[in-house]
Structure formats: C-alpha cells, structure tokens
C-alpha atoms as a PDB file:
ATOM      1  CA  MET A   1    -168.178  91.355-172.534  1.00  0.00           C
ATOM      2  CA  ASN A   2    -165.775  88.674-171.383  1.00  0.00           C
ATOM      3  CA  LYS A   3    -164.430  87.818-167.967  1.00  0.00           C
ATOM      4  CA  ALA A   4    -160.853  86.879-167.109  1.00  0.00           C
ATOM      5  CA  VAL A   5    -158.616  85.722-164.334  1.00  0.00           C
ATOM      6  CA  PHE A   6    -155.264  87.476-164.380  1.00  0.00           C
ATOM      7  CA  LEU A   7    -152.509  85.606-162.576  1.00  0.00           C
ATOM      8  CA  ASP A   8    -149.044  86.519-161.440  1.00  0.00           C
ATOM      9  CA  ARG A   9    -146.554  83.902-162.585  1.00  0.00           C
ATOM     10  CA  ASP A  10    -143.856  83.370-159.951  1.00  0.00           C
ATOM     11  CA  GLY A  11    -145.320  81.976-156.755  1.00  0.00           C
ATOM     12  CA  ILE A  12    -148.796  81.511-158.263  1.00  0.00           C
ATOM     13  CA  ILE A  13    -148.367  79.549-161.506  1.00  0.00           C
ATOM     14  CA  ASN A  14    -144.939  78.187-160.654  1.00  0.00           C
ATOM     15  CA  ASN A  15    -143.284  77.349-157.380  1.00  0.00           C
ATOM     16  CA  GLU A  16    -140.313  79.622-156.806  1.00  0.00           C
ATOM     17  CA  GLU A  17    -139.243  78.271-153.427  1.00  0.00           C
ATOM     18  CA  GLY A  18    -135.472  78.540-153.087  1.00  0.00           C
ATOM     19  CA  LEU A  19    -135.109  80.554-156.307  1.00  0.00           C
ATOM     20  CA  TYR A  20    -135.690  84.261-156.780  1.00  0.00           C
ATOM     21  CA  TYR A  21    -135.617  84.262-160.571  1.00  0.00           C
ATOM     22  CA  ILE A  22    -137.057  81.462-162.697  1.00  0.00           C
ATOM     23  CA  TYR A  23    -135.539  81.783-166.151  1.00  0.00           C
ATOM     24  CA  ARG A  24    -134.615  78.203-167.066  1.00  0.00           C
ATOM     25  CA  PRO A  25    -137.216  75.581-167.988  1.00  0.00           C
ATOM     26  CA  GLU A  26    -135.509  73.038-165.736  1.00  0.00           C
ATOM     27  CA  ASP A  27    -136.199  75.319-162.736  1.00  0.00           C
ATOM     28  CA  PHE A  28    -139.894  75.675-163.553  1.00  0.00           C
ATOM     29  CA  ALA A  29    -142.330  73.622-161.453  1.00  0.00           C
ATOM     30  CA  PHE A  30    -146.068  74.226-161.287  1.00  0.00           C
ATOM     31  CA  THR A  31    -147.576  75.075-157.914  1.00  0.00           C
ATOM     32  CA  THR A  32    -149.730  72.339-156.458  1.00  0.00           C
ATOM     33  CA  GLY A  33    -153.241  72.399-157.854  1.00  0.00           C
ATOM     34  CA  ILE A  34    -152.736  75.212-160.357  1.00  0.00           C
ATOM     35  CA  LYS A  35    -153.462  73.033-163.400  1.00  0.00           C
ATOM     36  CA  THR A  36    -156.762  71.946-161.849  1.00  0.00           C
ATOM     37  CA  VAL A  37    -157.571  75.585-161.105  1.00  0.00           C
ATOM     38  CA  LEU A  38    -156.752  76.777-164.621  1.00  0.00           C
ATOM     39  CA  LYS A  39    -158.778  73.997-166.236  1.00  0.00           C
ATOM     40  CA  SER A  40    -161.782  74.701-164.003  1.00  0.00           C
ATOM     41  CA  LEU A  41    -161.604  78.459-164.572  1.00  0.00           C
ATOM     42  CA  ARG A  42    -161.533  77.902-168.334  1.00  0.00           C
ATOM     43  CA  GLU A  43    -164.569  75.607-168.033  1.00  0.00           C
ATOM     44  CA  ARG A  44    -166.324  78.394-166.071  1.00  0.00           C
ATOM     45  CA  GLY A  45    -165.805  80.732-169.029  1.00  0.00           C
ATOM     46  CA  TYR A  46    -162.825  82.763-167.834  1.00  0.00           C
ATOM     47  CA  LEU A  47    -160.027  83.882-170.087  1.00  0.00           C
ATOM     48  CA  LEU A  48    -156.618  83.146-168.536  1.00  0.00           C
ATOM     49  CA  ILE A  49    -154.000  85.893-168.615  1.00  0.00           C
ATOM     50  CA  ILE A  50    -150.607  86.014-166.927  1.00  0.00           C
ATOM     51  CA  VAL A  51    -149.019  89.330-165.955  1.00  0.00           C
ATOM     52  CA  THR A  52    -145.449  88.939-164.757  1.00  0.00           C
ATOM     53  CA  ASN A  53    -142.601  91.234-163.750  1.00  0.00           C
ATOM     54  CA  GLN A  54    -139.293  89.869-165.028  1.00  0.00           C
ATOM     55  CA  GLY A  55    -136.857  92.517-163.789  1.00  0.00           C
ATOM     56  CA  GLY A  56    -133.889  90.175-164.104  1.00  0.00           C
ATOM     57  CA  ILE A  57    -133.903  91.023-167.820  1.00  0.00           C
ATOM     58  CA  ALA A  58    -133.200  94.702-167.146  1.00  0.00           C
ATOM     59  CA  LYS A  59    -130.592  93.746-164.545  1.00  0.00           C
ATOM     60  CA  GLY A  60    -128.791  91.608-167.144  1.00  0.00           C
ATOM     61  CA  LEU A  61    -129.233  88.396-165.129  1.00  0.00           C
ATOM     62  CA  TYR A  62    -130.988  86.647-168.004  1.00  0.00           C
ATOM     63  CA  LYS A  63    -132.418  87.464-171.426  1.00  0.00           C
ATOM     64  CA  ARG A  64    -135.908  87.793-172.842  1.00  0.00           C
ATOM     65  CA  GLU A  65    -135.196  84.625-174.809  1.00  0.00           C
ATOM     66  CA  ASP A  66    -134.727  82.767-171.509  1.00  0.00           C
ATOM     67  CA  VAL A  67    -138.162  83.919-170.300  1.00  0.00           C
ATOM     68  CA  ASP A  68    -139.655  82.965-173.663  1.00  0.00           C
ATOM     69  CA  ALA A  69    -138.162  79.452-173.307  1.00  0.00           C
ATOM     70  CA  VAL A  70    -139.739  79.095-169.849  1.00  0.00           C
ATOM     71  CA  HIS A  71    -143.083  80.215-171.252  1.00  0.00           C
ATOM     72  CA  ARG A  72    -142.848  77.776-174.168  1.00  0.00           C
ATOM     73  CA  PHE A  73    -142.184  74.976-171.659  1.00  0.00           C
ATOM     74  CA  MET A  74    -145.053  76.131-169.433  1.00  0.00           C
ATOM     75  CA  ASN A  75    -147.477  76.443-172.364  1.00  0.00           C
ATOM     76  CA  ASP A  76    -146.486  73.043-173.758  1.00  0.00           C
ATOM     77  CA  GLU A  77    -147.112  71.411-170.375  1.00  0.00           C
ATOM     78  CA  LEU A  78    -150.478  73.141-170.015  1.00  0.00           C
ATOM     79  CA  ARG A  79    -151.582  72.382-173.583  1.00  0.00           C
ATOM     80  CA  SER A  80    -150.765  68.696-173.023  1.00  0.00           C
ATOM     81  CA  GLU A  81    -153.542  68.785-170.405  1.00  0.00           C
ATOM     82  CA  GLY A  82    -155.956  70.788-172.550  1.00  0.00           C
ATOM     83  CA  ILE A  83    -155.276  74.157-170.885  1.00  0.00           C
ATOM     84  CA  VAL A  84    -154.692  77.208-173.065  1.00  0.00           C
ATOM     85  CA  LEU A  85    -153.537  80.590-171.797  1.00  0.00           C
ATOM     86  CA  ASP A  86    -154.956  83.564-173.674  1.00  0.00           C
ATOM     87  CA  GLU A  87    -151.947  85.832-173.185  1.00  0.00           C
ATOM     88  CA  ILE A  88    -148.801  86.424-171.175  1.00  0.00           C
ATOM     89  CA  TYR A  89    -147.777  90.018-170.505  1.00  0.00           C
ATOM     90  CA  ILE A  90    -144.158  90.464-169.445  1.00  0.00           C
ATOM     91  CA  CYS A  91    -142.526  93.528-167.942  1.00  0.00           C
ATOM     92  CA  PRO A  92    -138.774  93.250-168.573  1.00  0.00           C
ATOM     93  CA  HIS A  93    -137.942  96.424-166.622  1.00  0.00           C
ATOM     94  CA  HIS A  94    -136.651  96.979-163.099  1.00  0.00           C
ATOM     95  CA  PRO A  95    -136.913 100.275-161.165  1.00  0.00           C
ATOM     96  CA  ASP A  96    -133.212 100.102-160.247  1.00  0.00           C
ATOM     97  CA  VAL A  97    -132.418 100.317-163.968  1.00  0.00           C
ATOM     98  CA  GLU A  98    -135.314 102.115-165.662  1.00  0.00           C
ATOM     99  CA  ASN A  99    -138.854 103.281-165.094  1.00  0.00           C
ATOM    100  CA  CYS A 100    -141.813 102.006-167.084  1.00  0.00           C
ATOM    101  CA  LEU A 101    -145.588 101.788-167.159  1.00  0.00           C
ATOM    102  CA  CYS A 102    -145.804  97.998-167.406  1.00  0.00           C
ATOM    103  CA  ARG A 103    -144.253  96.907-164.104  1.00  0.00           C
ATOM    104  CA  LYS A 104    -146.813  96.086-161.467  1.00  0.00           C
ATOM    105  CA  PRO A 105    -148.198  97.998-159.610  1.00  0.00           C
ATOM    106  CA  GLN A 106    -148.613  99.968-162.868  1.00  0.00           C
ATOM    107  CA  THR A 107    -151.536  98.824-164.966  1.00  0.00           C
ATOM    108  CA  ILE A 108    -150.676  99.183-168.653  1.00  0.00           C
ATOM    109  CA  SER A 109    -150.547  95.402-169.197  1.00  0.00           C
ATOM    110  CA  PHE A 110    -153.973  95.050-167.598  1.00  0.00           C
ATOM    111  CA  GLU A 111    -155.341  97.932-169.658  1.00  0.00           C
ATOM    112  CA  LYS A 112    -154.079  96.326-172.864  1.00  0.00           C
ATOM    113  CA  ALA A 113    -155.771  93.030-171.999  1.00  0.00           C
ATOM    114  CA  ILE A 114    -159.002  94.728-170.917  1.00  0.00           C
ATOM    115  CA  ALA A 115    -159.230  96.521-174.270  1.00  0.00           C
ATOM    116  CA  ARG A 116    -158.018  93.629-176.423  1.00  0.00           C
ATOM    117  CA  PHE A 117    -160.336  91.010-174.907  1.00  0.00           C
ATOM    118  CA  ASN A 118    -163.293  93.336-174.176  1.00  0.00           C
ATOM    119  CA  LEU A 119    -163.196  92.433-170.488  1.00  0.00           C
ATOM    120  CA  ASP A 120    -165.753  93.210-167.827  1.00  0.00           C
ATOM    121  CA  THR A 121    -163.441  94.272-164.999  1.00  0.00           C
ATOM    122  CA  GLY A 122    -166.216  93.849-162.432  1.00  0.00           C
ATOM    123  CA  ALA A 123    -166.452  90.154-163.329  1.00  0.00           C
ATOM    124  CA  SER A 124    -162.677  89.633-163.544  1.00  0.00           C
ATOM    125  CA  TRP A 125    -160.011  88.778-160.974  1.00  0.00           C
ATOM    126  CA  PHE A 126    -156.292  89.139-160.339  1.00  0.00           C
ATOM    127  CA  VAL A 127    -154.437  86.579-158.237  1.00  0.00           C
ATOM    128  CA  GLY A 128    -151.018  87.557-156.920  1.00  0.00           C
ATOM    129  CA  ASP A 129    -148.706  86.993-154.001  1.00  0.00           C
ATOM    130  CA  ARG A 130    -147.450  90.521-153.326  1.00  0.00           C
ATOM    131  CA  GLU A 131    -148.996  93.776-152.211  1.00  0.00           C
ATOM    132  CA  THR A 132    -147.906  95.386-155.505  1.00  0.00           C
ATOM    133  CA  ASP A 133    -150.037  92.776-157.287  1.00  0.00           C
ATOM    134  CA  MET A 134    -153.041  93.807-155.211  1.00  0.00           C
ATOM    135  CA  GLN A 135    -152.390  97.487-155.922  1.00  0.00           C
ATOM    136  CA  ALA A 136    -152.237  96.825-159.666  1.00  0.00           C
ATOM    137  CA  GLY A 137    -155.374  94.710-159.694  1.00  0.00           C
ATOM    138  CA  LYS A 138    -157.377  97.235-157.722  1.00  0.00           C
ATOM    139  CA  LYS A 139    -156.171 100.145-159.881  1.00  0.00           C
ATOM    140  CA  ALA A 140    -157.282  98.161-162.941  1.00  0.00           C
ATOM    141  CA  GLY A 141    -160.745  97.670-161.413  1.00  0.00           C
ATOM    142  CA  LEU A 142    -160.386  93.934-160.799  1.00  0.00           C
ATOM    143  CA  LYS A 143    -161.344  91.869-157.784  1.00  0.00           C
ATOM    144  CA  THR A 144    -158.133  90.704-156.138  1.00  0.00           C
ATOM    145  CA  ILE A 145    -156.909  87.687-154.218  1.00  0.00           C
ATOM    146  CA  LEU A 146    -153.674  87.847-152.239  1.00  0.00           C
ATOM    147  CA  ALA A 147    -152.402  84.263-152.182  1.00  0.00           C
ATOM    148  CA  GLU A 148    -149.539  82.848-150.191  1.00  0.00           C
ATOM    149  CA  ALA A 149    -146.755  82.068-152.657  1.00  0.00           C
ATOM    150  CA  ASN A 150    -145.946  78.480-153.565  1.00  0.00           C
ATOM    151  CA  ARG A 151    -148.956  76.971-151.801  1.00  0.00           C
ATOM    152  CA  ASP A 152    -151.674  74.644-153.044  1.00  0.00           C
ATOM    153  CA  MET A 153    -153.799  76.917-155.254  1.00  0.00           C
ATOM    154  CA  THR A 154    -157.006  74.877-155.283  1.00  0.00           C
ATOM    155  CA  PHE A 155    -158.485  77.199-152.634  1.00  0.00           C
ATOM    156  CA  LEU A 156    -158.987  79.716-155.467  1.00  0.00           C
ATOM    157  CA  LEU A 157    -161.880  77.663-156.788  1.00  0.00           C
ATOM    158  CA  ASP A 158    -163.809  78.339-153.570  1.00  0.00           C
ATOM    159  CA  ILE A 159    -163.450  82.100-154.108  1.00  0.00           C
ATOM    160  CA  ILE A 160    -163.756  82.603-157.860  1.00  0.00           C
ATOM    161  CA  GLY A 161    -167.247  81.741-159.086  1.00  0.00           C
END
C-alpha cells in the first residue's frame, strides 16, 4: 500500500491573502515553504494529492478552464523544481447552487484517490485550513492537520514523518 499527503489548495499551496477566489495564474503565489515541504514529502515516499473546492465555477464567477490554467501554471512551476503532483481533485460545485458528493466535507474525491492509488489511510494525511477540511479528512480515515492559511508551511515537516 502507498501513503499520501492530501492538501487543500487555497491557503495551503497558494497564498490567498486579499483574494477569495484564485482563478488567474497572475494571482497565484505559493505559500512560503510549500515547495520545500512538497519536495521533502515526495522524498519521504508520499504521493501528493490536492483536493480543492472551487465553488466560484458553479456561481459563474469563473470557468473550469480558468482553474485548469491556474493548475497548469502551478504544475509548471513545481515541475521546474523537480516536484510532481500525483493528482488534483476539483469540486466545481457550491451549495448555494447545487448539492454534490465531491465538495469537502464530503469525501468522494478522497475515496477515489484512496482506491486509485491503493492508499493506506492510516499512514496518510490531509492538510487544510478550514474545519470542513478536517471533517473530510477524518471521515476519509486520514490523519489531519489544521494549518493557519497563508503561513509558512515548513512546520508540516515536523509533524509528518
């Protein structure tokens, strides 16, 4: 079985200070230390999986193509430093518009990854910055870390073995 670190995107991977929705590459900025964290986690044998709610799509504030462009930019930046993400799961829904099973705190995205990558949930983690992230991670059987959004993320290396 494999082990993984699941990460929320906004506030954990990228700094969202001053912006509620990040849907343009020019607005995307990595949180301090996250590249070091991702590289170290990969070296420790963890798969790296992002699970992100992008409710602005359902609200009509931006399109899926906009999110895809941000993710291409993010992946290109990470790959240039030798960091590869295994998957990005996106929930495009918002409860004000429609219900779904993929929006955190629901767990369908986690369940898909657990099955696809043959993950040992007891050896895997989810890092998020909201209580709904913690609910989702716990329901999926993962160890969870509630991180303060937009902060230096290197502290994660002291927690995740």
